[in-house]
Amino acid sequence: MFAKAKFLLSAVAPEHFPRLLDVSGKPLPEVAVVGRSNVGKSSLINHLTNHKNLAKVSRSPGKTQTINFFSIEERICLVDLPGYGFAKVSKNQREKWGRLIDEYLEKRECLKLILLLCDLRHPPTKDDIAFAKWALHYKRDLLIVFTKGDKLKRNARAAQVEKNKILLSKEIGDKPLEPIEYSIKESKGRNLLIKRIEHGIAS
């Protein structure tokens, strides 16, 4: 499952967004992966698809500067968006990314689910909360995915999940959140995330 994956293209402007169809001619459902720079988006995509180098992983935050499209089994499109909140990127570049991301998230009709990755080690950032509010305002289905929990001691992880879950729910004021924890090191959360994606694109 999710084993057949390939890179399609990188978009630097809305006119580059692809029109992808399945064998019956229907638009492929898209799942966007978003989050703060260095939260582990590329690593999650690689682990989720069992492809070591499908998405380029960099130790330098802010490296992803385009919207990258990946075909999953020719029936789902996974979309990697530039990370937000990286201070060393120029203001002009941040504004450019912002316009590009807004255009995609607001108008992409085939976008079925947004995976918002949040670093479990820290409370949700202002950017995390702002993005979650934005997605829900536009009635986009949103799934919170906590990453990097394996860097915490085991007895602290469960408590941190609940703490961050409560903080997000309080800030967003939406229906109760059902976030999942994803650990590449421990191979935790992959099957559950796939199930949630399958459910998200079917609804």
Protein backbone atom coordinates (compact mmCIF):
# COMPACT_ATOMS: atom_id res chain seq x y z
CA MET A 1 0.00 0.00 0.00
CA PHE A 2 1.35 3.41 -1.06
CA ALA A 3 4.34 1.57 -2.53
CA LYS A 4 4.04 2.79 -6.12
CA ALA A 5 5.03 6.43 -5.99
CA LYS A 6 6.77 8.85 -8.32
CA PHE A 7 7.66 12.52 -8.53
CA LEU A 8 5.59 14.40 -11.11
CA LEU A 9 6.60 18.07 -11.18
CA SER A 10 7.46 21.19 -9.21
CA ALA A 11 5.28 24.27 -9.56
CA VAL A 12 6.50 27.83 -9.02
CA ALA A 13 3.31 29.50 -10.26
CA PRO A 14 -0.40 28.57 -10.35
CA GLU A 15 -0.29 28.00 -14.10
CA HIS A 16 2.11 25.12 -13.43
CA PHE A 17 -0.38 23.22 -11.26
CA PRO A 18 -1.09 19.94 -13.08
CA ARG A 19 -4.49 18.61 -14.08
CA LEU A 20 -4.26 14.95 -13.12
CA LEU A 21 -6.90 12.40 -14.07
CA ASP A 22 -7.47 8.78 -13.14
CA VAL A 23 -8.17 6.02 -15.67
CA SER A 24 -11.86 6.95 -15.75
CA GLY A 25 -11.09 10.59 -16.49
CA LYS A 26 -11.93 11.93 -13.02
CA PRO A 27 -9.54 14.35 -11.27
CA LEU A 28 -7.14 12.64 -8.89
CA PRO A 29 -7.82 13.54 -5.24
CA GLU A 30 -4.99 15.53 -3.70
CA VAL A 31 -3.58 15.43 -0.18
CA ALA A 32 -1.44 18.42 0.82
CA VAL A 33 1.40 18.15 3.35
CA VAL A 34 2.10 21.41 5.17
CA GLY A 35 3.96 22.57 8.26
CA ARG A 36 6.74 24.67 9.66
CA SER A 37 10.15 24.46 8.01
CA ASN A 38 12.15 21.49 9.29
CA VAL A 39 9.11 19.75 10.80
CA GLY A 40 9.84 16.65 8.73
CA LYS A 41 7.52 16.89 5.71
CA SER A 42 9.92 15.35 3.19
CA SER A 43 10.97 12.61 5.60
CA LEU A 44 7.34 11.71 6.26
CA ILE A 45 6.55 11.56 2.55
CA ASN A 46 9.53 9.26 1.96
CA HIS A 47 8.61 6.99 4.86
CA LEU A 48 4.92 6.93 3.98
CA THR A 49 5.68 5.84 0.41
CA ASN A 50 8.63 3.57 1.27
CA HIS A 51 10.84 5.61 -1.07
CA LYS A 52 14.07 6.84 0.47
CA ASN A 53 14.65 9.78 -1.88
CA LEU A 54 11.24 10.56 -3.36
CA ALA A 55 11.11 13.92 -1.59
CA LYS A 56 14.44 15.66 -1.11
CA VAL A 57 15.40 15.91 2.56
CA SER A 58 17.57 18.82 3.62
CA ARG A 59 19.12 19.81 6.93
CA SER A 60 18.64 23.43 5.92
CA PRO A 61 15.14 24.72 6.80
CA GLY A 62 13.34 26.50 3.98
CA LYS A 63 14.93 24.37 1.26
CA THR A 64 11.62 23.40 -0.38
CA GLN A 65 10.82 26.43 -2.53
CA THR A 66 8.22 24.97 -4.86
CA ILE A 67 4.95 23.05 -4.62
CA ASN A 68 5.91 19.47 -5.43
CA PHE A 69 3.44 16.93 -6.78
CA PHE A 70 3.81 13.15 -6.33
CA SER A 71 1.65 10.40 -7.82
CA ILE A 72 0.71 7.60 -5.41
CA GLU A 73 -0.39 4.42 -7.18
CA GLU A 74 -1.79 6.66 -9.94
CA ARG A 75 -4.92 7.27 -7.85
CA ILE A 76 -3.81 9.87 -5.26
CA CYS A 77 -1.63 12.96 -5.61
CA LEU A 78 0.50 13.91 -2.61
CA VAL A 79 1.44 17.60 -2.60
CA ASP A 80 4.44 18.92 -0.64
CA LEU A 81 4.14 22.64 0.11
CA PRO A 82 6.99 24.99 1.12
CA GLY A 83 7.50 25.15 4.89
CA TYR A 84 6.39 28.28 6.68
CA GLY A 85 7.90 30.28 9.51
CA PHE A 86 11.58 30.21 8.52
CA ALA A 87 13.07 33.56 9.46
CA LYS A 88 16.20 33.40 7.29
CA VAL A 89 14.18 33.31 4.09
CA SER A 90 13.79 36.81 2.67
CA LYS A 91 10.53 38.67 3.22
CA ASN A 92 10.04 38.85 -0.54
CA GLN A 93 10.45 35.07 -0.85
CA ARG A 94 8.07 34.41 2.05
CA GLU A 95 5.45 36.64 0.44
CA LYS A 96 5.92 34.87 -2.89
CA TRP A 97 5.50 31.46 -1.26
CA GLY A 98 2.47 32.75 0.65
CA ARG A 99 0.70 33.86 -2.52
CA LEU A 100 1.49 30.58 -4.25
CA ILE A 101 0.28 28.49 -1.30
CA ASP A 102 -2.88 30.59 -0.89
CA GLU A 103 -3.70 30.17 -4.56
CA TYR A 104 -3.32 26.41 -4.29
CA LEU A 105 -5.18 25.91 -1.01
CA GLU A 106 -8.07 28.26 -1.77
CA LYS A 107 -8.86 27.27 -5.33
CA ARG A 108 -7.71 23.68 -5.82
CA GLU A 109 -11.00 21.81 -6.19
CA CYS A 110 -9.42 18.35 -6.08
CA LEU A 111 -7.77 19.04 -2.69
CA LYS A 112 -9.47 16.60 -0.32
CA LEU A 113 -7.30 16.62 2.79
CA ILE A 114 -4.57 18.72 4.42
CA LEU A 115 -1.99 17.09 6.67
CA LEU A 116 -0.71 19.73 9.08
CA LEU A 117 2.56 18.52 10.60
CA CYS A 118 3.42 19.87 14.06
CA ASP A 119 6.56 19.21 16.09
CA LEU A 120 5.34 17.36 19.19
CA ARG A 121 8.28 18.56 21.28
CA HIS A 122 6.94 22.10 21.37
CA PRO A 123 3.57 23.82 21.79
CA PRO A 124 1.84 24.66 18.49
CA THR A 125 3.36 27.81 17.00
CA LYS A 126 1.41 30.91 16.01
CA ASP A 127 1.93 29.85 12.40
CA ASP A 128 0.54 26.36 13.11
CA ILE A 129 -2.56 27.82 14.72
CA ALA A 130 -3.02 30.46 12.03
CA PHE A 131 -2.80 27.85 9.31
CA ALA A 132 -5.26 25.51 11.05
CA LYS A 133 -7.74 28.39 11.41
CA TRP A 134 -7.24 29.32 7.78
CA ALA A 135 -7.90 25.75 6.58
CA LEU A 136 -11.05 25.38 8.67
CA HIS A 137 -12.29 28.83 7.59
CA TYR A 138 -12.21 27.61 4.00
CA LYS A 139 -13.86 24.33 5.09
CA ARG A 140 -10.85 22.21 4.20
CA ASP A 141 -10.58 18.82 5.90
CA LEU A 142 -7.60 18.99 8.24
CA LEU A 143 -5.61 16.26 9.97
CA ILE A 144 -3.01 17.19 12.59
CA VAL A 145 0.07 14.94 12.48
CA PHE A 146 2.52 15.19 15.37
CA THR A 147 6.13 14.51 14.36
CA LYS A 148 9.43 14.05 16.20
CA GLY A 149 7.82 12.58 19.30
CA ASP A 150 10.49 9.88 19.33
CA LYS A 151 12.91 12.55 20.53
CA LEU A 152 10.97 12.79 23.81
CA LYS A 153 11.16 10.38 26.70
CA ARG A 154 8.36 7.84 26.60
CA ASN A 155 6.72 9.00 29.81
CA ALA A 156 6.53 12.54 28.44
CA ARG A 157 5.13 11.76 25.00
CA ALA A 158 1.56 10.85 25.88
CA ALA A 159 1.27 13.88 28.13
CA GLN A 160 2.65 16.14 25.40
CA VAL A 161 0.18 14.75 22.85
CA GLU A 162 -2.73 15.58 25.16
CA LYS A 163 -1.30 18.99 26.03
CA ASN A 164 -0.83 20.01 22.39
CA LYS A 165 -4.19 18.55 21.43
CA ILE A 166 -5.92 20.66 24.10
CA LEU A 167 -4.00 23.79 23.07
CA LEU A 168 -4.95 23.36 19.42
CA SER A 169 -8.59 22.62 20.19
CA LYS A 170 -8.80 25.68 22.43
CA GLU A 171 -7.25 27.97 19.81
CA ILE A 172 -9.13 26.60 16.83
CA GLY A 173 -12.50 26.24 18.54
CA ASP A 174 -13.58 23.56 16.10
CA LYS A 175 -14.88 20.03 16.63
CA PRO A 176 -12.65 17.80 18.81
CA LEU A 177 -9.37 17.07 17.08
CA GLU A 178 -8.20 13.53 16.45
CA PRO A 179 -4.49 14.04 15.72
CA ILE A 180 -2.13 11.16 15.11
CA GLU A 181 1.48 10.71 16.11
CA TYR A 182 3.94 9.71 13.40
CA SER A 183 7.41 8.37 14.18
CA ILE A 184 9.78 7.40 11.38
CA LYS A 185 12.35 6.03 13.80
CA GLU A 186 9.79 3.70 15.39
CA SER A 187 7.68 3.16 12.25
CA LYS A 188 4.71 4.40 14.24
CA GLY A 189 1.60 5.85 12.67
CA ARG A 190 2.11 4.87 9.03
CA ASN A 191 -0.79 2.44 8.72
CA LEU A 192 -3.11 4.74 10.66
CA LEU A 193 -2.16 7.71 8.48
CA ILE A 194 -2.83 5.71 5.33
CA LYS A 195 -6.28 4.78 6.67
CA ARG A 196 -7.04 8.41 7.50
CA ILE A 197 -5.92 9.49 4.03
CA GLU A 198 -8.08 6.82 2.39
CA HIS A 199 -11.04 7.99 4.46
CA GLY A 200 -10.32 11.63 3.66
CA ILE A 201 -10.25 11.20 -0.10
CA ALA A 202 -13.39 9.05 -0.05
CA SER A 203 -15.51 11.61 1.82
